[in-house]
Amino acid sequence: MNKIILNIGLLIFCFSIIFFSQREMPLAEVLIKSFIVFISSTVILSVTAIVLVKLIQKTASQTSENSDHTILGSKANE
């Protein structure tokens, strides 16, 4: 998962270099702004991935708790 996030961040970094260089900015400013975009996008993607994984785990644990019950009641009563 981390490799995917890092690769997407690097892709965004390359696109931002192209975007900012077309604005005819100095090279140092292009690199600094692109690096800021890279860091912020990577952090946002990482937080989003963590939230989604936690949500999926929570949903999976709830469905496993619900699967312990049959139509007539819980399996412990059998």
PDB file of N, CA and C in Angstrom:
ATOM      1  N   MET A   1       0.834  -1.191   0.000  1.00  0.00           N
ATOM      2  CA  MET A   1       0.000   0.000   0.000  1.00  0.00           C
ATOM      3  C   MET A   1       0.880   1.256   0.000  1.00  0.00           C
ATOM      4  N   ASN A   2       1.953   1.212   0.802  1.00  0.00           N
ATOM      5  CA  ASN A   2       2.827   2.387   0.878  1.00  0.00           C
ATOM      6  C   ASN A   2       3.522   2.660  -0.450  1.00  0.00           C
ATOM      7  N   LYS A   3       3.880   1.597  -1.160  1.00  0.00           N
ATOM      8  CA  LYS A   3       4.527   1.787  -2.464  1.00  0.00           C
ATOM      9  C   LYS A   3       3.574   2.445  -3.457  1.00  0.00           C
ATOM     10  N   ILE A   4       2.316   2.041  -3.412  1.00  0.00           N
ATOM     11  CA  ILE A   4       1.324   2.620  -4.318  1.00  0.00           C
ATOM     12  C   ILE A   4       1.149   4.105  -4.021  1.00  0.00           C
ATOM     13  N   ILE A   5       1.044   4.445  -2.744  1.00  0.00           N
ATOM     14  CA  ILE A   5       0.885   5.844  -2.348  1.00  0.00           C
ATOM     15  C   ILE A   5       2.106   6.657  -2.748  1.00  0.00           C
ATOM     16  N   LEU A   6       3.292   6.103  -2.534  1.00  0.00           N
ATOM     17  CA  LEU A   6       4.511   6.819  -2.908  1.00  0.00           C
ATOM     18  C   LEU A   6       4.600   7.016  -4.419  1.00  0.00           C
ATOM     19  N   ASN A   7       4.233   5.999  -5.187  1.00  0.00           N
ATOM     20  CA  ASN A   7       4.261   6.126  -6.656  1.00  0.00           C
ATOM     21  C   ASN A   7       3.260   7.163  -7.152  1.00  0.00           C
ATOM     22  N   ILE A   8       2.083   7.195  -6.553  1.00  0.00           N
ATOM     23  CA  ILE A   8       1.099   8.218  -6.934  1.00  0.00           C
ATOM     24  C   ILE A   8       1.624   9.603  -6.564  1.00  0.00           C
ATOM     25  N   GLY A   9       2.254   9.721  -5.389  1.00  0.00           N
ATOM     26  CA  GLY A   9       2.845  10.995  -4.986  1.00  0.00           C
ATOM     27  C   GLY A   9       3.938  11.445  -5.936  1.00  0.00           C
ATOM     28  N   LEU A  10       4.777  10.514  -6.378  1.00  0.00           N
ATOM     29  CA  LEU A  10       5.831  10.861  -7.338  1.00  0.00           C
ATOM     30  C   LEU A  10       5.251  11.270  -8.692  1.00  0.00           C
ATOM     31  N   LEU A  11       4.165  10.625  -9.091  1.00  0.00           N
ATOM     32  CA  LEU A  11       3.498  11.012 -10.334  1.00  0.00           C
ATOM     33  C   LEU A  11       2.947  12.435 -10.225  1.00  0.00           C
ATOM     34  N   ILE A  12       2.335  12.742  -9.092  1.00  0.00           N
ATOM     35  CA  ILE A  12       1.831  14.098  -8.862  1.00  0.00           C
ATOM     36  C   ILE A  12       2.990  15.091  -8.833  1.00  0.00           C
ATOM     37  N   PHE A  13       4.132  14.691  -8.253  1.00  0.00           N
ATOM     38  CA  PHE A  13       5.321  15.549  -8.232  1.00  0.00           C
ATOM     39  C   PHE A  13       5.787  15.874  -9.650  1.00  0.00           C
ATOM     40  N   CYS A  14       5.830  14.863 -10.505  1.00  0.00           N
ATOM     41  CA  CYS A  14       6.258  15.093 -11.891  1.00  0.00           C
ATOM     42  C   CYS A  14       5.274  15.995 -12.641  1.00  0.00           C
ATOM     43  N   PHE A  15       3.996  15.771 -12.433  1.00  0.00           N
ATOM     44  CA  PHE A  15       2.998  16.618 -13.080  1.00  0.00           C
ATOM     45  C   PHE A  15       3.072  18.058 -12.572  1.00  0.00           C
ATOM     46  N   SER A  16       3.343  18.217 -11.284  1.00  0.00           N
ATOM     47  CA  SER A  16       3.438  19.577 -10.752  1.00  0.00           C
ATOM     48  C   SER A  16       4.698  20.288 -11.254  1.00  0.00           C
ATOM     49  N   ILE A  17       5.775  19.556 -11.476  1.00  0.00           N
ATOM     50  CA  ILE A  17       6.972  20.168 -12.084  1.00  0.00           C
ATOM     51  C   ILE A  17       6.626  20.685 -13.482  1.00  0.00           C
ATOM     52  N   ILE A  18       5.924  19.875 -14.251  1.00  0.00           N
ATOM     53  CA  ILE A  18       5.530  20.296 -15.597  1.00  0.00           C
ATOM     54  C   ILE A  18       4.598  21.501 -15.525  1.00  0.00           C
ATOM     55  N   PHE A  19       3.633  21.441 -14.603  1.00  0.00           N
ATOM     56  CA  PHE A  19       2.658  22.526 -14.474  1.00  0.00           C
ATOM     57  C   PHE A  19       3.332  23.839 -14.087  1.00  0.00           C
ATOM     58  N   PHE A  20       4.188  23.794 -13.065  1.00  0.00           N
ATOM     59  CA  PHE A  20       4.822  25.028 -12.598  1.00  0.00           C
ATOM     60  C   PHE A  20       5.896  25.527 -13.568  1.00  0.00           C
ATOM     61  N   SER A  21       6.546  24.640 -14.286  1.00  0.00           N
ATOM     62  CA  SER A  21       7.563  25.096 -15.244  1.00  0.00           C
ATOM     63  C   SER A  21       6.923  25.787 -16.451  1.00  0.00           C
ATOM     64  N   GLN A  22       5.696  25.435 -16.773  1.00  0.00           N
ATOM     65  CA  GLN A  22       5.004  26.119 -17.858  1.00  0.00           C
ATOM     66  C   GLN A  22       4.585  27.527 -17.466  1.00  0.00           C
ATOM     67  N   ARG A  23       4.594  27.837 -16.190  1.00  0.00           N
ATOM     68  CA  ARG A  23       4.263  29.184 -15.704  1.00  0.00           C
ATOM     69  C   ARG A  23       5.490  30.108 -15.743  1.00  0.00           C
ATOM     70  N   GLU A  24       6.601  29.608 -16.262  1.00  0.00           N
ATOM     71  CA  GLU A  24       7.858  30.350 -16.405  1.00  0.00           C
ATOM     72  C   GLU A  24       8.365  30.896 -15.071  1.00  0.00           C
ATOM     73  N   MET A  25       8.315  30.043 -14.051  1.00  0.00           N
ATOM     74  CA  MET A  25       8.871  30.395 -12.742  1.00  0.00           C
ATOM     75  C   MET A  25      10.340  29.998 -12.703  1.00  0.00           C
ATOM     76  N   PRO A  26      11.090  30.552 -11.763  1.00  0.00           N
ATOM     77  CA  PRO A  26      12.483  30.109 -11.595  1.00  0.00           C
ATOM     78  C   PRO A  26      12.529  28.637 -11.161  1.00  0.00           C
ATOM     79  N   LEU A  27      13.636  27.975 -11.481  1.00  0.00           N
ATOM     80  CA  LEU A  27      13.769  26.546 -11.230  1.00  0.00           C
ATOM     81  C   LEU A  27      13.637  26.207  -9.746  1.00  0.00           C
ATOM     82  N   ALA A  28      14.259  27.016  -8.890  1.00  0.00           N
ATOM     83  CA  ALA A  28      14.189  26.746  -7.449  1.00  0.00           C
ATOM     84  C   ALA A  28      12.753  26.834  -6.947  1.00  0.00           C
ATOM     85  N   GLU A  29      12.012  27.801  -7.413  1.00  0.00           N
ATOM     86  CA  GLU A  29      10.617  27.959  -6.992  1.00  0.00           C
ATOM     87  C   GLU A  29       9.754  26.803  -7.501  1.00  0.00           C
ATOM     88  N   VAL A  30      10.034  26.337  -8.717  1.00  0.00           N
ATOM     89  CA  VAL A  30       9.307  25.200  -9.274  1.00  0.00           C
ATOM     90  C   VAL A  30       9.543  23.961  -8.417  1.00  0.00           C
ATOM     91  N   LEU A  31      10.788  23.710  -8.051  1.00  0.00           N
ATOM     92  CA  LEU A  31      11.108  22.528  -7.253  1.00  0.00           C
ATOM     93  C   LEU A  31      10.521  22.612  -5.849  1.00  0.00           C
ATOM     94  N   ILE A  32      10.578  23.781  -5.236  1.00  0.00           N
ATOM     95  CA  ILE A  32      10.035  23.942  -3.884  1.00  0.00           C
ATOM     96  C   ILE A  32       8.516  23.740  -3.892  1.00  0.00           C
ATOM     97  N   LYS A  33       7.827  24.366  -4.822  1.00  0.00           N
ATOM     98  CA  LYS A  33       6.369  24.213  -4.885  1.00  0.00           C
ATOM     99  C   LYS A  33       5.980  22.777  -5.225  1.00  0.00           C
ATOM    100  N   SER A  34       6.717  22.139  -6.113  1.00  0.00           N
ATOM    101  CA  SER A  34       6.420  20.752  -6.466  1.00  0.00           C
ATOM    102  C   SER A  34       6.669  19.821  -5.282  1.00  0.00           C
ATOM    103  N   PHE A  35       7.706  20.090  -4.518  1.00  0.00           N
ATOM    104  CA  PHE A  35       7.991  19.277  -3.338  1.00  0.00           C
ATOM    105  C   PHE A  35       6.889  19.444  -2.291  1.00  0.00           C
ATOM    106  N   ILE A  36       6.396  20.662  -2.124  1.00  0.00           N
ATOM    107  CA  ILE A  36       5.296  20.908  -1.183  1.00  0.00           C
ATOM    108  C   ILE A  36       4.042  20.160  -1.630  1.00  0.00           C
ATOM    109  N   VAL A  37       3.761  20.191  -2.924  1.00  0.00           N
ATOM    110  CA  VAL A  37       2.611  19.460  -3.458  1.00  0.00           C
ATOM    111  C   VAL A  37       2.798  17.957  -3.244  1.00  0.00           C
ATOM    112  N   PHE A  38       4.012  17.462  -3.457  1.00  0.00           N
ATOM    113  CA  PHE A  38       4.310  16.036  -3.264  1.00  0.00           C
ATOM    114  C   PHE A  38       4.084  15.620  -1.812  1.00  0.00           C
ATOM    115  N   ILE A  39       4.623  16.375  -0.874  1.00  0.00           N
ATOM    116  CA  ILE A  39       4.488  16.037   0.543  1.00  0.00           C
ATOM    117  C   ILE A  39       3.012  16.083   0.964  1.00  0.00           C
ATOM    118  N   SER A  40       2.321  17.139   0.587  1.00  0.00           N
ATOM    119  CA  SER A  40       0.918  17.261   1.010  1.00  0.00           C
ATOM    120  C   SER A  40       0.046  16.175   0.383  1.00  0.00           C
ATOM    121  N   SER A  41       0.253  15.872  -0.882  1.00  0.00           N
ATOM    122  CA  SER A  41      -0.568  14.833  -1.516  1.00  0.00           C
ATOM    123  C   SER A  41      -0.265  13.455  -0.932  1.00  0.00           C
ATOM    124  N   THR A  42       0.988  13.184  -0.617  1.00  0.00           N
ATOM    125  CA  THR A  42       1.345  11.900  -0.026  1.00  0.00           C
ATOM    126  C   THR A  42       0.741  11.745   1.366  1.00  0.00           C
ATOM    127  N   VAL A  43       0.768  12.815   2.153  1.00  0.00           N
ATOM    128  CA  VAL A  43       0.171  12.761   3.494  1.00  0.00           C
ATOM    129  C   VAL A  43      -1.342  12.561   3.398  1.00  0.00           C
ATOM    130  N   ILE A  44      -1.983  13.288   2.508  1.00  0.00           N
ATOM    131  CA  ILE A  44      -3.436  13.154   2.347  1.00  0.00           C
ATOM    132  C   ILE A  44      -3.801  11.738   1.891  1.00  0.00           C
ATOM    133  N   LEU A  45      -3.058  11.196   0.941  1.00  0.00           N
ATOM    134  CA  LEU A  45      -3.330   9.834   0.481  1.00  0.00           C
ATOM    135  C   LEU A  45      -3.078   8.805   1.579  1.00  0.00           C
ATOM    136  N   SER A  46      -2.053   9.001   2.393  1.00  0.00           N
ATOM    137  CA  SER A  46      -1.762   8.070   3.479  1.00  0.00           C
ATOM    138  C   SER A  46      -2.865   8.083   4.528  1.00  0.00           C
ATOM    139  N   VAL A  47      -3.309   9.264   4.905  1.00  0.00           N
ATOM    140  CA  VAL A  47      -4.392   9.368   5.891  1.00  0.00           C
ATOM    141  C   VAL A  47      -5.675   8.750   5.349  1.00  0.00           C
ATOM    142  N   THR A  48      -5.961   8.993   4.084  1.00  0.00           N
ATOM    143  CA  THR A  48      -7.145   8.403   3.463  1.00  0.00           C
ATOM    144  C   THR A  48      -7.064   6.879   3.447  1.00  0.00           C
ATOM    145  N   ALA A  49      -5.900   6.341   3.132  1.00  0.00           N
ATOM    146  CA  ALA A  49      -5.735   4.883   3.107  1.00  0.00           C
ATOM    147  C   ALA A  49      -5.892   4.288   4.505  1.00  0.00           C
ATOM    148  N   ILE A  50      -5.348   4.954   5.510  1.00  0.00           N
ATOM    149  CA  ILE A  50      -5.479   4.460   6.882  1.00  0.00           C
ATOM    150  C   ILE A  50      -6.938   4.460   7.313  1.00  0.00           C
ATOM    151  N   VAL A  51      -7.656   5.526   7.006  1.00  0.00           N
ATOM    152  CA  VAL A  51      -9.076   5.605   7.372  1.00  0.00           C
ATOM    153  C   VAL A  51      -9.877   4.516   6.659  1.00  0.00           C
ATOM    154  N   LEU A  52      -9.601   4.298   5.387  1.00  0.00           N
ATOM    155  CA  LEU A  52     -10.327   3.262   4.646  1.00  0.00           C
ATOM    156  C   LEU A  52     -10.032   1.866   5.184  1.00  0.00           C
ATOM    157  N   VAL A  53      -8.786   1.596   5.535  1.00  0.00           N
ATOM    158  CA  VAL A  53      -8.431   0.280   6.083  1.00  0.00           C
ATOM    159  C   VAL A  53      -9.123   0.064   7.422  1.00  0.00           C
ATOM    160  N   LYS A  54      -9.130   1.075   8.277  1.00  0.00           N
ATOM    161  CA  LYS A  54      -9.819   0.966   9.568  1.00  0.00           C
ATOM    162  C   LYS A  54     -11.313   0.747   9.372  1.00  0.00           C
ATOM    163  N   LEU A  55     -11.904   1.458   8.413  1.00  0.00           N
ATOM    164  CA  LEU A  55     -13.327   1.314   8.140  1.00  0.00           C
ATOM    165  C   LEU A  55     -13.649  -0.088   7.629  1.00  0.00           C
ATOM    166  N   ILE A  56     -12.810  -0.621   6.765  1.00  0.00           N
ATOM    167  CA  ILE A  56     -13.014  -1.968   6.237  1.00  0.00           C
ATOM    168  C   ILE A  56     -12.877  -3.002   7.346  1.00  0.00           C
ATOM    169  N   GLN A  57     -11.888  -2.831   8.223  1.00  0.00           N
ATOM    170  CA  GLN A  57     -11.715  -3.759   9.342  1.00  0.00           C
ATOM    171  C   GLN A  57     -12.905  -3.709  10.289  1.00  0.00           C
ATOM    172  N   LYS A  58     -13.423  -2.519  10.546  1.00  0.00           N
ATOM    173  CA  LYS A  58     -14.576  -2.376  11.424  1.00  0.00           C
ATOM    174  C   LYS A  58     -15.795  -3.044  10.812  1.00  0.00           C
ATOM    175  N   THR A  59     -16.006  -2.857   9.523  1.00  0.00           N
ATOM    176  CA  THR A  59     -17.131  -3.472   8.835  1.00  0.00           C
ATOM    177  C   THR A  59     -16.996  -4.994   8.815  1.00  0.00           C
ATOM    178  N   ALA A  60     -15.784  -5.478   8.603  1.00  0.00           N
ATOM    179  CA  ALA A  60     -15.555  -6.920   8.585  1.00  0.00           C
ATOM    180  C   ALA A  60     -15.791  -7.540   9.958  1.00  0.00           C
ATOM    181  N   SER A  61     -15.410  -6.843  11.017  1.00  0.00           N
ATOM    182  CA  SER A  61     -15.635  -7.384  12.362  1.00  0.00           C
ATOM    183  C   SER A  61     -17.114  -7.382  12.712  1.00  0.00           C
ATOM    184  N   GLN A  62     -17.850  -6.377  12.237  1.00  0.00           N
ATOM    185  CA  GLN A  62     -19.295  -6.346  12.494  1.00  0.00           C
ATOM    186  C   GLN A  62     -20.016  -7.453  11.739  1.00  0.00           C
ATOM    187  N   THR A  63     -19.601  -7.738  10.530  1.00  0.00           N
ATOM    188  CA  THR A  63     -20.253  -8.805   9.774  1.00  0.00           C
ATOM    189  C   THR A  63     -19.911 -10.164  10.351  1.00  0.00           C
ATOM    190  N   SER A  64     -18.723 -10.328  10.910  1.00  0.00           N
ATOM    191  CA  SER A  64     -18.395 -11.610  11.536  1.00  0.00           C
ATOM    192  C   SER A  64     -19.181 -11.798  12.824  1.00  0.00           C
ATOM    193  N   GLU A  65     -19.477 -10.721  13.541  1.00  0.00           N
ATOM    194  CA  GLU A  65     -20.322 -10.822  14.733  1.00  0.00           C
ATOM    195  C   GLU A  65     -21.746 -11.172  14.341  1.00  0.00           C
ATOM    196  N   ASN A  66     -22.243 -10.619  13.257  1.00  0.00           N
ATOM    197  CA  ASN A  66     -23.603 -10.895  12.800  1.00  0.00           C
ATOM    198  C   ASN A  66     -23.746 -12.298  12.237  1.00  0.00           C
ATOM    199  N   SER A  67     -22.672 -12.889  11.777  1.00  0.00           N
ATOM    200  CA  SER A  67     -22.750 -14.228  11.196  1.00  0.00           C
ATOM    201  C   SER A  67     -22.851 -15.303  12.266  1.00  0.00           C
ATOM    202  N   ASP A  68     -22.682 -14.971  13.548  1.00  0.00           N
ATOM    203  CA  ASP A  68     -22.828 -15.937  14.628  1.00  0.00           C
ATOM    204  C   ASP A  68     -24.288 -16.230  14.951  1.00  0.00           C
ATOM    205  N   HIS A  69     -25.198 -15.522  14.369  1.00  0.00           N
ATOM    206  CA  HIS A  69     -26.616 -15.697  14.650  1.00  0.00           C
ATOM    207  C   HIS A  69     -27.294 -16.409  13.480  1.00  0.00           C
ATOM    208  N   THR A  70     -28.207 -17.293  13.832  1.00  0.00           N
ATOM    209  CA  THR A  70     -29.027 -17.946  12.815  1.00  0.00           C
ATOM    210  C   THR A  70     -30.400 -17.282  12.805  1.00  0.00           C
ATOM    211  N   ILE A  71     -31.305 -17.804  12.029  1.00  0.00           N
ATOM    212  CA  ILE A  71     -32.651 -17.216  11.957  1.00  0.00           C
ATOM    213  C   ILE A  71     -33.381 -17.368  13.287  1.00  0.00           C
ATOM    214  N   LEU A  72     -33.149 -18.482  13.980  1.00  0.00           N
ATOM    215  CA  LEU A  72     -33.853 -18.756  15.232  1.00  0.00           C
ATOM    216  C   LEU A  72     -33.159 -18.176  16.453  1.00  0.00           C
ATOM    217  N   GLY A  73     -31.956 -17.726  16.327  1.00  0.00           N
ATOM    218  CA  GLY A  73     -31.218 -17.177  17.472  1.00  0.00           C
ATOM    219  C   GLY A  73     -29.730 -17.404  17.290  1.00  0.00           C
ATOM    220  N   SER A  74     -29.007 -17.303  18.381  1.00  0.00           N
ATOM    221  CA  SER A  74     -27.565 -17.488  18.282  1.00  0.00           C
ATOM    222  C   SER A  74     -27.212 -18.970  18.264  1.00  0.00           C
ATOM    223  N   LYS A  75     -26.049 -19.281  17.786  1.00  0.00           N
ATOM    224  CA  LYS A  75     -25.601 -20.662  17.713  1.00  0.00           C
ATOM    225  C   LYS A  75     -25.297 -21.232  19.098  1.00  0.00           C
ATOM    226  N   ALA A  76     -25.077 -20.371  20.070  1.00  0.00           N
ATOM    227  CA  ALA A  76     -24.773 -20.833  21.420  1.00  0.00           C
ATOM    228  C   ALA A  76     -25.983 -21.502  22.059  1.00  0.00           C
ATOM    229  N   ASN A  77     -27.190 -21.188  21.608  1.00  0.00           N
ATOM    230  CA  ASN A  77     -28.411 -21.768  22.190  1.00  0.00           C
ATOM    231  C   ASN A  77     -28.723 -23.146  21.648  1.00  0.00           C
ATOM    232  N   GLU A  78     -28.017 -23.603  20.641  1.00  0.00           N
ATOM    233  CA  GLU A  78     -28.328 -24.896  20.021  1.00  0.00           C
ATOM    234  C   GLU A  78     -27.911 -26.059  20.870  1.00  0.00           C
TER     235      GLU A  78
END
